[in-house]
Amino acid sequence: MTTVIARPSSLLGSIQLEKVEHFHLFKFNDALQARMEELLERKKADLLTTEEVIELE
């Protein structure tokens, strides 16, 4: 069974595409970046809930 985000389309407004020379970079807005960092810190401390594991994936 594959676990997926309930509504990945809800993240589209939080991700920007930026062209740098010949590359296209995906960048998170400040709120999404902060949430990602929070989830990664909780993962390092082995404190993620089941919902947060899904969110991080």
N, C-alpha and C. Protein backbone atom coordinates (compact mmCIF):
# COMPACT_ATOMS: atom_id res chain seq x y z
N MET A 1 0.85 -1.18 0.00
CA MET A 1 0.00 0.00 0.00
C MET A 1 0.89 1.24 0.00
N THR A 2 0.60 2.19 -0.87
CA THR A 2 1.37 3.41 -0.97
C THR A 2 0.64 4.54 -0.26
N THR A 3 1.36 5.26 0.58
CA THR A 3 0.78 6.39 1.28
C THR A 3 1.06 7.66 0.48
N VAL A 4 0.05 8.47 0.29
CA VAL A 4 0.21 9.72 -0.45
C VAL A 4 -0.37 10.87 0.35
N ILE A 5 0.03 12.08 -0.01
CA ILE A 5 -0.53 13.27 0.62
C ILE A 5 -1.99 13.38 0.21
N ALA A 6 -2.83 13.75 1.15
CA ALA A 6 -4.25 13.84 0.87
C ALA A 6 -4.56 14.82 -0.25
N ARG A 7 -3.92 15.99 -0.23
CA ARG A 7 -4.17 16.99 -1.26
C ARG A 7 -2.85 17.65 -1.67
N PRO A 8 -2.01 16.99 -2.44
CA PRO A 8 -0.74 17.59 -2.83
C PRO A 8 -0.92 18.88 -3.61
N SER A 9 -2.06 19.05 -4.27
CA SER A 9 -2.30 20.28 -5.03
C SER A 9 -2.35 21.50 -4.11
N SER A 10 -2.61 21.30 -2.82
CA SER A 10 -2.65 22.42 -1.89
C SER A 10 -1.27 23.05 -1.70
N LEU A 11 -0.21 22.35 -2.09
CA LEU A 11 1.15 22.87 -1.95
C LEU A 11 1.60 23.70 -3.15
N LEU A 12 0.86 23.67 -4.24
CA LEU A 12 1.29 24.34 -5.46
C LEU A 12 1.55 25.83 -5.28
N GLY A 13 0.76 26.50 -4.48
CA GLY A 13 0.97 27.93 -4.25
C GLY A 13 2.17 28.23 -3.38
N SER A 14 2.73 27.21 -2.74
CA SER A 14 3.86 27.38 -1.83
C SER A 14 5.20 27.05 -2.48
N ILE A 15 5.15 26.60 -3.73
CA ILE A 15 6.36 26.20 -4.44
C ILE A 15 6.51 27.06 -5.69
N GLN A 16 7.70 27.63 -5.86
CA GLN A 16 7.96 28.47 -7.03
C GLN A 16 9.03 27.83 -7.89
N LEU A 17 8.95 28.09 -9.16
CA LEU A 17 9.95 27.61 -10.10
C LEU A 17 10.81 28.81 -10.49
N GLU A 18 12.12 28.68 -10.34
CA GLU A 18 13.05 29.76 -10.65
C GLU A 18 14.10 29.25 -11.63
N LYS A 19 14.31 30.01 -12.70
CA LYS A 19 15.31 29.62 -13.68
C LYS A 19 16.63 30.30 -13.34
N VAL A 20 17.68 29.51 -13.18
CA VAL A 20 19.02 30.00 -12.92
C VAL A 20 19.92 29.42 -14.00
N GLU A 21 20.36 30.28 -14.90
CA GLU A 21 21.13 29.87 -16.06
C GLU A 21 20.37 28.78 -16.82
N HIS A 22 20.91 27.57 -16.91
CA HIS A 22 20.27 26.50 -17.66
C HIS A 22 19.47 25.54 -16.78
N PHE A 23 19.26 25.92 -15.54
CA PHE A 23 18.59 25.04 -14.58
C PHE A 23 17.27 25.65 -14.12
N HIS A 24 16.33 24.78 -13.80
CA HIS A 24 15.07 25.19 -13.19
C HIS A 24 15.08 24.68 -11.75
N LEU A 25 14.96 25.59 -10.80
CA LEU A 25 14.99 25.23 -9.38
C LEU A 25 13.60 25.36 -8.77
N PHE A 26 13.25 24.41 -7.93
CA PHE A 26 12.01 24.48 -7.17
C PHE A 26 12.35 25.08 -5.81
N LYS A 27 11.63 26.14 -5.44
CA LYS A 27 11.88 26.81 -4.16
C LYS A 27 10.60 26.86 -3.35
N PHE A 28 10.71 26.58 -2.06
CA PHE A 28 9.57 26.68 -1.15
C PHE A 28 9.42 28.11 -0.67
N ASN A 29 8.18 28.53 -0.37
CA ASN A 29 8.02 29.84 0.26
C ASN A 29 8.49 29.71 1.71
N ASP A 30 8.58 30.82 2.42
CA ASP A 30 9.13 30.83 3.77
C ASP A 30 8.37 29.92 4.73
N ALA A 31 7.05 29.92 4.64
CA ALA A 31 6.24 29.10 5.55
C ALA A 31 6.47 27.61 5.30
N LEU A 32 6.50 27.21 4.05
CA LEU A 32 6.71 25.80 3.73
C LEU A 32 8.13 25.37 4.08
N GLN A 33 9.10 26.25 3.86
CA GLN A 33 10.49 25.95 4.22
C GLN A 33 10.63 25.75 5.73
N ALA A 34 9.98 26.62 6.50
CA ALA A 34 10.04 26.51 7.96
C ALA A 34 9.39 25.20 8.43
N ARG A 35 8.27 24.83 7.81
CA ARG A 35 7.60 23.58 8.18
C ARG A 35 8.46 22.38 7.84
N MET A 36 9.11 22.41 6.67
CA MET A 36 10.00 21.32 6.28
C MET A 36 11.14 21.17 7.28
N GLU A 37 11.74 22.30 7.67
CA GLU A 37 12.84 22.25 8.63
C GLU A 37 12.37 21.72 9.98
N GLU A 38 11.17 22.12 10.40
CA GLU A 38 10.60 21.64 11.66
C GLU A 38 10.40 20.12 11.62
N LEU A 39 9.85 19.64 10.52
CA LEU A 39 9.62 18.20 10.38
C LEU A 39 10.94 17.43 10.36
N LEU A 40 11.94 17.96 9.69
CA LEU A 40 13.25 17.29 9.65
C LEU A 40 13.89 17.24 11.03
N GLU A 41 13.76 18.31 11.81
CA GLU A 41 14.30 18.31 13.17
C GLU A 41 13.56 17.29 14.05
N ARG A 42 12.24 17.22 13.90
CA ARG A 42 11.46 16.25 14.67
C ARG A 42 11.83 14.82 14.26
N LYS A 43 12.14 14.63 12.97
CA LYS A 43 12.55 13.30 12.51
C LYS A 43 13.89 12.91 13.14
N LYS A 44 14.83 13.85 13.16
CA LYS A 44 16.14 13.58 13.77
C LYS A 44 15.99 13.19 15.24
N ALA A 45 15.04 13.82 15.93
CA ALA A 45 14.81 13.54 17.34
C ALA A 45 13.88 12.35 17.54
N ASP A 46 13.45 11.72 16.45
CA ASP A 46 12.54 10.57 16.48
C ASP A 46 11.23 10.92 17.19
N LEU A 47 10.68 12.09 16.84
CA LEU A 47 9.45 12.56 17.48
C LEU A 47 8.28 12.73 16.50
N LEU A 48 8.43 12.26 15.27
CA LEU A 48 7.37 12.44 14.28
C LEU A 48 6.15 11.58 14.59
N THR A 49 4.98 12.18 14.41
CA THR A 49 3.74 11.41 14.50
C THR A 49 3.53 10.72 13.14
N THR A 50 2.59 9.82 13.09
CA THR A 50 2.27 9.13 11.84
C THR A 50 1.85 10.15 10.77
N GLU A 51 1.07 11.13 11.14
CA GLU A 51 0.62 12.16 10.20
C GLU A 51 1.79 12.98 9.69
N GLU A 52 2.75 13.28 10.57
CA GLU A 52 3.91 14.07 10.17
C GLU A 52 4.84 13.28 9.25
N VAL A 53 4.93 11.98 9.45
CA VAL A 53 5.71 11.13 8.53
C VAL A 53 5.14 11.22 7.13
N ILE A 54 3.82 11.14 7.03
CA ILE A 54 3.14 11.24 5.74
C ILE A 54 3.37 12.64 5.14
N GLU A 55 3.24 13.66 5.96
CA GLU A 55 3.44 15.03 5.48
C GLU A 55 4.86 15.23 4.97
N LEU A 56 5.83 14.71 5.67
CA LEU A 56 7.23 14.86 5.26
C LEU A 56 7.51 14.14 3.96
N GLU A 57 6.91 12.97 3.79
CA GLU A 57 7.11 12.22 2.55
C GLU A 57 6.54 12.97 1.38
